[in-house]
Full PDB file with SEQRES, HELIX, SHEET, SSBOND, CRYST1, ORIGX, SCALE, CONECT and MASTER records, all heavy atoms in Angstrom:
SEQRES   1 A   41  THR ALA MET PRO ASP GLY LEU SER GLY LEU GLU ALA PHE          
SEQRES   2 A   41  ARG THR ASP ARG PRO ASP ILE ALA LEU LEU ASP VAL MET          
SEQRES   3 A   41  VAL PRO GLY LEU ASP GLY VAL SER LEU CYS ARG ARG ILE          
SEQRES   4 A   41  ARG ASP                                                      
HELIX    1 AA1 GLY A    6  ASP A   16  1                                  11    
HELIX    2 AA2 GLY A   32  ARG A   40  1                                   9    
CRYST1    1.000    1.000    1.000  90.00  90.00  90.00 P 1           1          
ORIGX1      1.000000  0.000000  0.000000        0.00000                         
ORIGX2      0.000000  1.000000  0.000000        0.00000                         
ORIGX3      0.000000  0.000000  1.000000        0.00000                         
SCALE1      1.000000  0.000000  0.000000        0.00000                         
SCALE2      0.000000  1.000000  0.000000        0.00000                         
SCALE3      0.000000  0.000000  1.000000        0.00000                         
ATOM      1  N   THR A   1       0.843  -1.158  -0.010  1.00  0.00           N  
ATOM      2  CA  THR A   1      -0.051   0.013   0.020  1.00  0.00           C  
ATOM      3  C   THR A   1       0.923   1.148   0.035  1.00  0.00           C  
ATOM      4  O   THR A   1       1.707   1.437   0.965  1.00  0.00           O  
ATOM      5  CB  THR A   1      -0.895   0.029   1.273  1.00  0.00           C  
ATOM      6  OG1 THR A   1      -1.734  -1.093   1.225  1.00  0.00           O  
ATOM      7  CG2 THR A   1      -1.782   1.328   1.194  1.00  0.00           C  
ATOM      8  N   ALA A   2       0.928   1.927  -1.105  1.00  0.00           N  
ATOM      9  CA  ALA A   2       1.703   3.103  -1.162  1.00  0.00           C  
ATOM     10  C   ALA A   2       1.044   4.443  -0.988  1.00  0.00           C  
ATOM     11  O   ALA A   2       0.008   4.616  -1.817  1.00  0.00           O  
ATOM     12  CB  ALA A   2       2.552   3.155  -2.671  1.00  0.00           C  
ATOM     13  N   MET A   3       1.407   5.280  -0.284  1.00  0.00           N  
ATOM     14  CA  MET A   3       0.723   6.560   0.107  1.00  0.00           C  
ATOM     15  C   MET A   3       1.757   7.821  -0.161  1.00  0.00           C  
ATOM     16  O   MET A   3       2.983   7.565   0.179  1.00  0.00           O  
ATOM     17  CB  MET A   3       0.189   6.564   1.419  1.00  0.00           C  
ATOM     18  CG  MET A   3      -0.947   5.647   1.650  1.00  0.00           C  
ATOM     19  SD  MET A   3      -2.360   6.086   0.608  1.00  0.00           S  
ATOM     20  CE  MET A   3      -3.493   4.713   0.925  1.00  0.00           C  
ATOM     21  N   PRO A   4       1.303   8.968  -0.638  1.00  0.00           N  
ATOM     22  CA  PRO A   4       2.090  10.033  -0.960  1.00  0.00           C  
ATOM     23  C   PRO A   4       2.441  11.082   0.259  1.00  0.00           C  
ATOM     24  O   PRO A   4       3.254  11.969   0.036  1.00  0.00           O  
ATOM     25  CB  PRO A   4       1.309  10.836  -2.059  1.00  0.00           C  
ATOM     26  CG  PRO A   4      -0.179  10.516  -1.771  1.00  0.00           C  
ATOM     27  CD  PRO A   4      -0.099   9.183  -1.103  1.00  0.00           C  
ATOM     28  N   ASP A   5       1.744  10.856   1.227  1.00  0.00           N  
ATOM     29  CA  ASP A   5       1.899  11.784   2.476  1.00  0.00           C  
ATOM     30  C   ASP A   5       1.601  11.080   3.675  1.00  0.00           C  
ATOM     31  O   ASP A   5       1.033  10.002   3.744  1.00  0.00           O  
ATOM     32  CB  ASP A   5       1.027  13.088   2.281  1.00  0.00           C  
ATOM     33  CG  ASP A   5      -0.495  12.694   2.317  1.00  0.00           C  
ATOM     34  OD1 ASP A   5      -1.015  12.480   3.370  1.00  0.00           O  
ATOM     35  OD2 ASP A   5      -1.110  12.700   1.195  1.00  0.00           O  
ATOM     36  N   GLY A   6       2.085  11.755   4.825  1.00  0.00           N  
ATOM     37  CA  GLY A   6       1.922  11.181   6.079  1.00  0.00           C  
ATOM     38  C   GLY A   6       0.520  10.892   6.662  1.00  0.00           C  
ATOM     39  O   GLY A   6       0.285   9.963   7.312  1.00  0.00           O  
ATOM     40  N   LEU A   7      -0.378  11.744   6.331  1.00  0.00           N  
ATOM     41  CA  LEU A   7      -1.801  11.794   6.854  1.00  0.00           C  
ATOM     42  C   LEU A   7      -2.414  10.617   6.190  1.00  0.00           C  
ATOM     43  O   LEU A   7      -3.084   9.799   6.892  1.00  0.00           O  
ATOM     44  CB  LEU A   7      -2.523  12.982   6.643  1.00  0.00           C  
ATOM     45  CG  LEU A   7      -2.064  14.283   7.523  1.00  0.00           C  
ATOM     46  CD1 LEU A   7      -2.879  15.590   7.070  1.00  0.00           C  
ATOM     47  CD2 LEU A   7      -2.212  13.842   8.996  1.00  0.00           C  
ATOM     48  N   SER A   8      -2.318  10.450   4.865  1.00  0.00           N  
ATOM     49  CA  SER A   8      -2.860   9.382   4.154  1.00  0.00           C  
ATOM     50  C   SER A   8      -2.185   8.073   4.641  1.00  0.00           C  
ATOM     51  O   SER A   8      -2.731   6.989   4.621  1.00  0.00           O  
ATOM     52  CB  SER A   8      -2.831   9.379   2.692  1.00  0.00           C  
ATOM     53  OG  SER A   8      -1.567   9.520   2.167  1.00  0.00           O  
ATOM     54  N   GLY A   9      -0.916   8.130   4.936  1.00  0.00           N  
ATOM     55  CA  GLY A   9      -0.172   6.967   5.385  1.00  0.00           C  
ATOM     56  C   GLY A   9      -0.716   6.414   6.800  1.00  0.00           C  
ATOM     57  O   GLY A   9      -0.858   5.224   7.049  1.00  0.00           O  
ATOM     58  N   LEU A  10      -1.022   7.440   7.629  1.00  0.00           N  
ATOM     59  CA  LEU A  10      -1.626   7.068   9.011  1.00  0.00           C  
ATOM     60  C   LEU A  10      -2.945   6.532   8.898  1.00  0.00           C  
ATOM     61  O   LEU A  10      -3.238   5.307   9.485  1.00  0.00           O  
ATOM     62  CB  LEU A  10      -1.709   8.267   9.804  1.00  0.00           C  
ATOM     63  CG  LEU A  10      -2.176   8.100  11.298  1.00  0.00           C  
ATOM     64  CD1 LEU A  10      -1.355   7.176  12.049  1.00  0.00           C  
ATOM     65  CD2 LEU A  10      -2.343   9.403  11.999  1.00  0.00           C  
ATOM     66  N   GLU A  11      -3.798   6.968   7.969  1.00  0.00           N  
ATOM     67  CA  GLU A  11      -5.200   6.403   7.672  1.00  0.00           C  
ATOM     68  C   GLU A  11      -4.984   5.038   7.158  1.00  0.00           C  
ATOM     69  O   GLU A  11      -5.698   4.063   7.610  1.00  0.00           O  
ATOM     70  CB  GLU A  11      -5.903   7.317   6.698  1.00  0.00           C  
ATOM     71  CG  GLU A  11      -7.376   6.796   6.429  1.00  0.00           C  
ATOM     72  CD  GLU A  11      -8.059   7.716   5.533  1.00  0.00           C  
ATOM     73  OE1 GLU A  11      -7.634   8.851   5.102  1.00  0.00           O  
ATOM     74  OE2 GLU A  11      -9.178   7.368   5.099  1.00  0.00           O  
ATOM     75  N   ALA A  12      -4.119   4.747   6.226  1.00  0.00           N  
ATOM     76  CA  ALA A  12      -3.898   3.444   5.693  1.00  0.00           C  
ATOM     77  C   ALA A  12      -3.336   2.496   6.662  1.00  0.00           C  
ATOM     78  O   ALA A  12      -3.831   1.187   6.702  1.00  0.00           O  
ATOM     79  CB  ALA A  12      -2.816   3.594   4.550  1.00  0.00           C  
ATOM     80  N   PHE A  13      -2.393   2.963   7.564  1.00  0.00           N  
ATOM     81  CA  PHE A  13      -1.930   1.981   8.654  1.00  0.00           C  
ATOM     82  C   PHE A  13      -3.065   1.578   9.515  1.00  0.00           C  
ATOM     83  O   PHE A  13      -3.274   0.474   9.947  1.00  0.00           O  
ATOM     84  CB  PHE A  13      -0.925   2.816   9.437  1.00  0.00           C  
ATOM     85  CG  PHE A  13      -0.535   2.018  10.700  1.00  0.00           C  
ATOM     86  CD1 PHE A  13       0.475   0.961  10.598  1.00  0.00           C  
ATOM     87  CD2 PHE A  13      -1.067   2.392  12.038  1.00  0.00           C  
ATOM     88  CE1 PHE A  13       0.768   0.354  11.759  1.00  0.00           C  
ATOM     89  CE2 PHE A  13      -0.613   1.603  13.010  1.00  0.00           C  
ATOM     90  CZ  PHE A  13       0.265   0.602  12.984  1.00  0.00           C  
ATOM     91  N   ARG A  14      -4.006   2.473   9.987  1.00  0.00           N  
ATOM     92  CA  ARG A  14      -5.064   2.116  10.848  1.00  0.00           C  
ATOM     93  C   ARG A  14      -6.121   1.358  10.079  1.00  0.00           C  
ATOM     94  O   ARG A  14      -6.659   0.356  10.774  1.00  0.00           O  
ATOM     95  CB  ARG A  14      -5.815   3.496  11.409  1.00  0.00           C  
ATOM     96  CG  ARG A  14      -4.910   4.230  12.281  1.00  0.00           C  
ATOM     97  CD  ARG A  14      -5.480   5.578  12.609  1.00  0.00           C  
ATOM     98  NE  ARG A  14      -4.692   6.189  13.757  1.00  0.00           N  
ATOM     99  CZ  ARG A  14      -4.819   7.471  14.115  1.00  0.00           C  
ATOM    100  NH1 ARG A  14      -5.617   8.322  13.418  1.00  0.00           N  
ATOM    101  NH2 ARG A  14      -4.126   7.948  15.125  1.00  0.00           N  
ATOM    102  N   THR A  15      -6.321   1.442   8.890  1.00  0.00           N  
ATOM    103  CA  THR A  15      -7.294   0.684   8.143  1.00  0.00           C  
ATOM    104  C   THR A  15      -6.663  -0.706   7.739  1.00  0.00           C  
ATOM    105  O   THR A  15      -7.367  -1.726   7.929  1.00  0.00           O  
ATOM    106  CB  THR A  15      -7.682   1.328   6.799  1.00  0.00           C  
ATOM    107  OG1 THR A  15      -8.227   2.567   7.141  1.00  0.00           O  
ATOM    108  CG2 THR A  15      -8.614   0.593   6.012  1.00  0.00           C  
ATOM    109  N   ASP A  16      -5.420  -0.705   7.221  1.00  0.00           N  
ATOM    110  CA  ASP A  16      -4.975  -2.040   6.642  1.00  0.00           C  
ATOM    111  C   ASP A  16      -4.103  -2.857   7.703  1.00  0.00           C  
ATOM    112  O   ASP A  16      -3.974  -4.032   7.440  1.00  0.00           O  
ATOM    113  CB  ASP A  16      -4.011  -1.692   5.405  1.00  0.00           C  
ATOM    114  CG  ASP A  16      -4.852  -1.071   4.351  1.00  0.00           C  
ATOM    115  OD1 ASP A  16      -6.038  -1.069   4.431  1.00  0.00           O  
ATOM    116  OD2 ASP A  16      -4.264  -0.352   3.524  1.00  0.00           O  
ATOM    117  N   ARG A  17      -3.674  -2.305   8.829  1.00  0.00           N  
ATOM    118  CA  ARG A  17      -2.791  -2.961   9.651  1.00  0.00           C  
ATOM    119  C   ARG A  17      -1.794  -3.797   8.953  1.00  0.00           C  
ATOM    120  O   ARG A  17      -1.689  -5.019   9.057  1.00  0.00           O  
ATOM    121  CB  ARG A  17      -3.610  -3.918  10.442  1.00  0.00           C  
ATOM    122  CG  ARG A  17      -4.558  -3.060  11.443  1.00  0.00           C  
ATOM    123  CD  ARG A  17      -3.720  -2.304  12.425  1.00  0.00           C  
ATOM    124  NE  ARG A  17      -4.548  -1.354  13.314  1.00  0.00           N  
ATOM    125  CZ  ARG A  17      -4.051  -0.550  14.141  1.00  0.00           C  
ATOM    126  NH1 ARG A  17      -2.782  -0.371  14.309  1.00  0.00           N  
ATOM    127  NH2 ARG A  17      -4.729   0.173  14.888  1.00  0.00           N  
ATOM    128  N   PRO A  18      -0.681  -3.117   8.270  1.00  0.00           N  
ATOM    129  CA  PRO A  18       0.319  -3.825   7.623  1.00  0.00           C  
ATOM    130  C   PRO A  18       1.287  -4.531   8.547  1.00  0.00           C  
ATOM    131  O   PRO A  18       1.320  -4.327   9.639  1.00  0.00           O  
ATOM    132  CB  PRO A  18       1.068  -2.682   6.895  1.00  0.00           C  
ATOM    133  CG  PRO A  18       0.808  -1.461   7.704  1.00  0.00           C  
ATOM    134  CD  PRO A  18      -0.601  -1.622   8.262  1.00  0.00           C  
ATOM    135  N   ASP A  19       2.136  -5.461   7.914  1.00  0.00           N  
ATOM    136  CA  ASP A  19       3.128  -6.209   8.647  1.00  0.00           C  
ATOM    137  C   ASP A  19       4.342  -5.269   8.907  1.00  0.00           C  
ATOM    138  O   ASP A  19       5.031  -5.624   9.845  1.00  0.00           O  
ATOM    139  CB  ASP A  19       3.542  -7.357   7.895  1.00  0.00           C  
ATOM    140  CG  ASP A  19       2.278  -8.345   7.768  1.00  0.00           C  
ATOM    141  OD1 ASP A  19       1.813  -8.844   8.764  1.00  0.00           O  
ATOM    142  OD2 ASP A  19       1.913  -8.544   6.708  1.00  0.00           O  
ATOM    143  N   ILE A  20       4.683  -4.252   8.059  1.00  0.00           N  
ATOM    144  CA  ILE A  20       5.788  -3.467   8.195  1.00  0.00           C  
ATOM    145  C   ILE A  20       5.531  -2.205   7.495  1.00  0.00           C  
ATOM    146  O   ILE A  20       4.712  -2.146   6.562  1.00  0.00           O  
ATOM    147  CB  ILE A  20       7.033  -4.175   7.565  1.00  0.00           C  
ATOM    148  CG1 ILE A  20       8.342  -3.293   7.878  1.00  0.00           C  
ATOM    149  CG2 ILE A  20       6.867  -4.337   6.051  1.00  0.00           C  
ATOM    150  CD1 ILE A  20       9.533  -4.085   7.577  1.00  0.00           C  
ATOM    151  N   ALA A  21       6.127  -1.056   8.037  1.00  0.00           N  
ATOM    152  CA  ALA A  21       5.981   0.198   7.433  1.00  0.00           C  
ATOM    153  C   ALA A  21       7.262   0.898   6.983  1.00  0.00           C  
ATOM    154  O   ALA A  21       8.281   0.731   7.704  1.00  0.00           O  
ATOM    155  CB  ALA A  21       5.327   1.206   8.510  1.00  0.00           C  
ATOM    156  N   LEU A  22       7.357   1.344   5.739  1.00  0.00           N  
ATOM    157  CA  LEU A  22       8.545   2.068   5.244  1.00  0.00           C  
ATOM    158  C   LEU A  22       8.091   3.533   5.194  1.00  0.00           C  
ATOM    159  O   LEU A  22       7.217   3.860   4.366  1.00  0.00           O  
ATOM    160  CB  LEU A  22       8.918   1.466   3.916  1.00  0.00           C  
ATOM    161  CG  LEU A  22       9.123   0.006   3.632  1.00  0.00           C  
ATOM    162  CD1 LEU A  22       9.511  -0.323   2.250  1.00  0.00           C  
ATOM    163  CD2 LEU A  22      10.240  -0.474   4.646  1.00  0.00           C  
ATOM    164  N   LEU A  23       8.773   4.313   5.872  1.00  0.00           N  
ATOM    165  CA  LEU A  23       8.433   5.727   5.977  1.00  0.00           C  
ATOM    166  C   LEU A  23       9.541   6.663   5.499  1.00  0.00           C  
ATOM    167  O   LEU A  23      10.618   6.632   6.225  1.00  0.00           O  
ATOM    168  CB  LEU A  23       8.082   5.973   7.392  1.00  0.00           C  
ATOM    169  CG  LEU A  23       7.077   5.223   8.163  1.00  0.00           C  
ATOM    170  CD1 LEU A  23       6.752   5.626   9.491  1.00  0.00           C  
ATOM    171  CD2 LEU A  23       5.663   5.050   7.337  1.00  0.00           C  
ATOM    172  N   ASP A  24       9.282   7.411   4.465  1.00  0.00           N  
ATOM    173  CA  ASP A  24      10.392   8.491   4.192  1.00  0.00           C  
ATOM    174  C   ASP A  24      10.320   9.504   5.220  1.00  0.00           C  
ATOM    175  O   ASP A  24       9.226   9.959   5.652  1.00  0.00           O  
ATOM    176  CB  ASP A  24      10.065   9.028   2.729  1.00  0.00           C  
ATOM    177  CG  ASP A  24      11.100   9.963   2.224  1.00  0.00           C  
ATOM    178  OD1 ASP A  24      12.334   9.698   2.325  1.00  0.00           O  
ATOM    179  OD2 ASP A  24      10.755  11.154   1.811  1.00  0.00           O  
ATOM    180  N   VAL A  25      11.461  10.132   5.601  1.00  0.00           N  
ATOM    181  CA  VAL A  25      11.501  11.096   6.507  1.00  0.00           C  
ATOM    182  C   VAL A  25      10.785  12.391   6.145  1.00  0.00           C  
ATOM    183  O   VAL A  25       9.965  13.006   6.952  1.00  0.00           O  
ATOM    184  CB  VAL A  25      12.980  11.502   6.905  1.00  0.00           C  
ATOM    185  CG1 VAL A  25      13.075  12.729   7.820  1.00  0.00           C  
ATOM    186  CG2 VAL A  25      13.579  10.253   7.535  1.00  0.00           C  
ATOM    187  N   MET A  26      11.079  12.852   4.887  1.00  0.00           N  
ATOM    188  CA  MET A  26      10.514  14.138   4.400  1.00  0.00           C  
ATOM    189  C   MET A  26       9.282  13.927   3.521  1.00  0.00           C  
ATOM    190  O   MET A  26       9.365  13.851   2.311  1.00  0.00           O  
ATOM    191  CB  MET A  26      11.639  14.901   3.596  1.00  0.00           C  
ATOM    192  CG  MET A  26      12.831  15.170   4.524  1.00  0.00           C  
ATOM    193  SD  MET A  26      12.444  16.195   5.863  1.00  0.00           S  
ATOM    194  CE  MET A  26      12.090  17.787   5.040  1.00  0.00           C  
ATOM    195  N   VAL A  27       8.082  13.809   4.104  1.00  0.00           N  
ATOM    196  CA  VAL A  27       6.805  13.746   3.371  1.00  0.00           C  
ATOM    197  C   VAL A  27       5.874  14.783   3.885  1.00  0.00           C  
ATOM    198  O   VAL A  27       6.037  15.256   5.061  1.00  0.00           O  
ATOM    199  CB  VAL A  27       6.210  12.337   3.580  1.00  0.00           C  
ATOM    200  CG1 VAL A  27       6.966  11.185   2.876  1.00  0.00           C  
ATOM    201  CG2 VAL A  27       6.002  11.942   5.063  1.00  0.00           C  
ATOM    202  N   PRO A  28       4.982  15.215   3.036  1.00  0.00           N  
ATOM    203  CA  PRO A  28       4.173  16.413   3.536  1.00  0.00           C  
ATOM    204  C   PRO A  28       3.070  15.961   4.395  1.00  0.00           C  
ATOM    205  O   PRO A  28       2.713  14.862   4.534  1.00  0.00           O  
ATOM    206  CB  PRO A  28       3.576  16.914   2.130  1.00  0.00           C  
ATOM    207  CG  PRO A  28       3.656  15.795   1.230  1.00  0.00           C  
ATOM    208  CD  PRO A  28       4.848  14.992   1.657  1.00  0.00           C  
ATOM    209  N   GLY A  29       2.466  16.985   5.062  1.00  0.00           N  
ATOM    210  CA  GLY A  29       1.267  16.638   5.832  1.00  0.00           C  
ATOM    211  C   GLY A  29       1.649  16.327   7.306  1.00  0.00           C  
ATOM    212  O   GLY A  29       1.475  16.994   8.184  1.00  0.00           O  
ATOM    213  N   LEU A  30       2.294  15.134   7.410  1.00  0.00           N  
ATOM    214  CA  LEU A  30       2.695  14.598   8.555  1.00  0.00           C  
ATOM    215  C   LEU A  30       4.115  13.968   8.270  1.00  0.00           C  
ATOM    216  O   LEU A  30       4.069  12.974   7.553  1.00  0.00           O  
ATOM    217  CB  LEU A  30       1.691  13.609   9.229  1.00  0.00           C  
ATOM    218  CG  LEU A  30       1.967  13.125  10.538  1.00  0.00           C  
ATOM    219  CD1 LEU A  30       1.884  14.068  11.584  1.00  0.00           C  
ATOM    220  CD2 LEU A  30       1.059  11.759  10.832  1.00  0.00           C  
ATOM    221  N   ASP A  31       5.177  14.550   8.701  1.00  0.00           N  
ATOM    222  CA  ASP A  31       6.503  13.996   8.289  1.00  0.00           C  
ATOM    223  C   ASP A  31       6.688  12.544   8.860  1.00  0.00           C  
ATOM    224  O   ASP A  31       6.073  12.106   9.748  1.00  0.00           O  
ATOM    225  CB  ASP A  31       7.594  14.880   8.817  1.00  0.00           C  
ATOM    226  CG  ASP A  31       7.748  14.910  10.315  1.00  0.00           C  
ATOM    227  OD1 ASP A  31       8.325  14.102  10.846  1.00  0.00           O  
ATOM    228  OD2 ASP A  31       7.182  16.010  10.865  1.00  0.00           O  
ATOM    229  N   GLY A  32       7.664  11.863   8.282  1.00  0.00           N  
ATOM    230  CA  GLY A  32       7.897  10.539   8.622  1.00  0.00           C  
ATOM    231  C   GLY A  32       8.127  10.279  10.085  1.00  0.00           C  
ATOM    232  O   GLY A  32       7.777   9.221  10.629  1.00  0.00           O  
ATOM    233  N   VAL A  33       8.894  11.144  10.657  1.00  0.00           N  
ATOM    234  CA  VAL A  33       9.315  11.025  12.070  1.00  0.00           C  
ATOM    235  C   VAL A  33       8.116  11.041  12.927  1.00  0.00           C  
ATOM    236  O   VAL A  33       7.812  10.279  13.864  1.00  0.00           O  
ATOM    237  CB  VAL A  33      10.437  11.896  12.602  1.00  0.00           C  
ATOM    238  CG1 VAL A  33      10.582  11.946  13.992  1.00  0.00           C  
ATOM    239  CG2 VAL A  33      11.730  11.747  11.866  1.00  0.00           C  
ATOM    240  N   SER A  34       7.175  12.020  12.668  1.00  0.00           N  
ATOM    241  CA  SER A  34       5.968  12.217  13.360  1.00  0.00           C  
ATOM    242  C   SER A  34       5.042  11.057  13.207  1.00  0.00           C  
ATOM    243  O   SER A  34       4.407  10.572  14.083  1.00  0.00           O  
ATOM    244  CB  SER A  34       5.217  13.519  13.028  1.00  0.00           C  
ATOM    245  OG  SER A  34       6.098  14.622  13.406  1.00  0.00           O  
ATOM    246  N   LEU A  35       4.980  10.646  11.959  1.00  0.00           N  
ATOM    247  CA  LEU A  35       4.149   9.477  11.630  1.00  0.00           C  
ATOM    248  C   LEU A  35       4.650   8.132  12.331  1.00  0.00           C  
ATOM    249  O   LEU A  35       3.885   7.409  12.869  1.00  0.00           O  
ATOM    250  CB  LEU A  35       4.172   9.174  10.107  1.00  0.00           C  
ATOM    251  CG  LEU A  35       3.373   7.934   9.579  1.00  0.00           C  
ATOM    252  CD1 LEU A  35       1.986   7.911  10.081  1.00  0.00           C  
ATOM    253  CD2 LEU A  35       3.640   7.824   8.101  1.00  0.00           C  
ATOM    254  N   CYS A  36       5.946   8.028  12.522  1.00  0.00           N  
ATOM    255  CA  CYS A  36       6.508   6.864  13.267  1.00  0.00           C  
ATOM    256  C   CYS A  36       6.070   7.051  14.698  1.00  0.00           C  
ATOM    257  O   CYS A  36       5.650   5.983  15.245  1.00  0.00           O  
ATOM    258  CB  CYS A  36       7.997   6.927  13.082  1.00  0.00           C  
ATOM    259  SG  CYS A  36       8.819   5.451  13.874  1.00  0.00           S  
ATOM    260  N   ARG A  37       6.132   8.114  15.193  1.00  0.00           N  
ATOM    261  CA  ARG A  37       5.661   8.317  16.595  1.00  0.00           C  
ATOM    262  C   ARG A  37       4.191   7.942  16.814  1.00  0.00           C  
ATOM    263  O   ARG A  37       3.849   7.233  17.830  1.00  0.00           O  
ATOM    264  CB  ARG A  37       5.842   9.678  17.156  1.00  0.00           C  
ATOM    265  CG  ARG A  37       7.318  10.035  17.333  1.00  0.00           C  
ATOM    266  CD  ARG A  37       7.474  11.397  18.149  1.00  0.00           C  
ATOM    267  NE  ARG A  37       8.909  11.886  18.284  1.00  0.00           N  
ATOM    268  CZ  ARG A  37       9.402  12.710  17.507  1.00  0.00           C  
ATOM    269  NH1 ARG A  37       8.673  13.390  16.534  1.00  0.00           N  
ATOM    270  NH2 ARG A  37      10.603  13.132  17.619  1.00  0.00           N  
ATOM    271  N   ARG A  38       3.406   8.211  15.801  1.00  0.00           N  
ATOM    272  CA  ARG A  38       1.960   7.978  15.913  1.00  0.00           C  
ATOM    273  C   ARG A  38       1.669   6.467  15.766  1.00  0.00           C  
ATOM    274  O   ARG A  38       0.878   5.901  16.528  1.00  0.00           O  
ATOM    275  CB  ARG A  38       1.155   8.744  14.785  1.00  0.00           C  
ATOM    276  CG  ARG A  38       1.241  10.269  14.914  1.00  0.00           C  
ATOM    277  CD  ARG A  38       0.376  10.822  15.926  1.00  0.00           C  
ATOM    278  NE  ARG A  38      -1.088  10.835  15.503  1.00  0.00           N  
ATOM    279  CZ  ARG A  38      -1.523  11.807  14.733  1.00  0.00           C  
ATOM    280  NH1 ARG A  38      -0.999  12.894  14.374  1.00  0.00           N  
ATOM    281  NH2 ARG A  38      -2.908  11.640  14.565  1.00  0.00           N  
ATOM    282  N   ILE A  39       2.500   5.838  14.849  1.00  0.00           N  
ATOM    283  CA  ILE A  39       2.331   4.356  14.731  1.00  0.00           C  
ATOM    284  C   ILE A  39       2.766   3.679  16.000  1.00  0.00           C  
ATOM    285  O   ILE A  39       2.161   2.725  16.467  1.00  0.00           O  
ATOM    286  CB  ILE A  39       3.167   4.016  13.556  1.00  0.00           C  
ATOM    287  CG1 ILE A  39       2.358   4.373  12.194  1.00  0.00           C  
ATOM    288  CG2 ILE A  39       3.377   2.355  13.517  1.00  0.00           C  
ATOM    289  CD1 ILE A  39       3.280   4.062  10.988  1.00  0.00           C  
ATOM    290  N   ARG A  40       3.831   4.149  16.608  1.00  0.00           N  
ATOM    291  CA  ARG A  40       4.561   3.454  17.803  1.00  0.00           C  
ATOM    292  C   ARG A  40       3.547   3.773  18.983  1.00  0.00           C  
ATOM    293  O   ARG A  40       3.596   2.952  19.858  1.00  0.00           O  
ATOM    294  CB  ARG A  40       5.796   4.099  18.014  1.00  0.00           C  
ATOM    295  CG  ARG A  40       6.703   3.227  19.072  1.00  0.00           C  
ATOM    296  CD  ARG A  40       6.774   1.795  18.682  1.00  0.00           C  
ATOM    297  NE  ARG A  40       7.628   1.528  17.670  1.00  0.00           N  
ATOM    298  CZ  ARG A  40       7.429   0.754  16.528  1.00  0.00           C  
ATOM    299  NH1 ARG A  40       6.214   0.236  16.525  1.00  0.00           N  
ATOM    300  NH2 ARG A  40       8.252   0.549  15.609  1.00  0.00           N  
ATOM    301  N   ASP A  41       2.758   4.744  18.996  1.00  0.00           N  
ATOM    302  CA  ASP A  41       1.771   4.898  20.038  1.00  0.00           C  
ATOM    303  C   ASP A  41       0.725   3.907  20.046  1.00  0.00           C  
ATOM    304  O   ASP A  41       0.116   3.539  21.030  1.00  0.00           O  
ATOM    305  CB  ASP A  41       1.079   6.322  20.037  1.00  0.00           C  
ATOM    306  CG  ASP A  41       2.063   7.473  20.436  1.00  0.00           C  
ATOM    307  OD1 ASP A  41       3.029   7.131  21.042  1.00  0.00           O  
ATOM    308  OD2 ASP A  41       1.827   8.682  20.072  1.00  0.00           O  
TER     309      ASP A  41                                                      
MASTER        0    0    0    2    0    0    0    6  308    1    0    4          
END                                                                             
């Protein structure tokens, strides 16, 4: 599941429950580091 920004990535994570996440650091909306924190929560 490929997403172009952090907010859509977070929504996809919550919907699809993937086995692993690959996050680029510099993405718009919600950067990769912040997205990682949200996932880790």
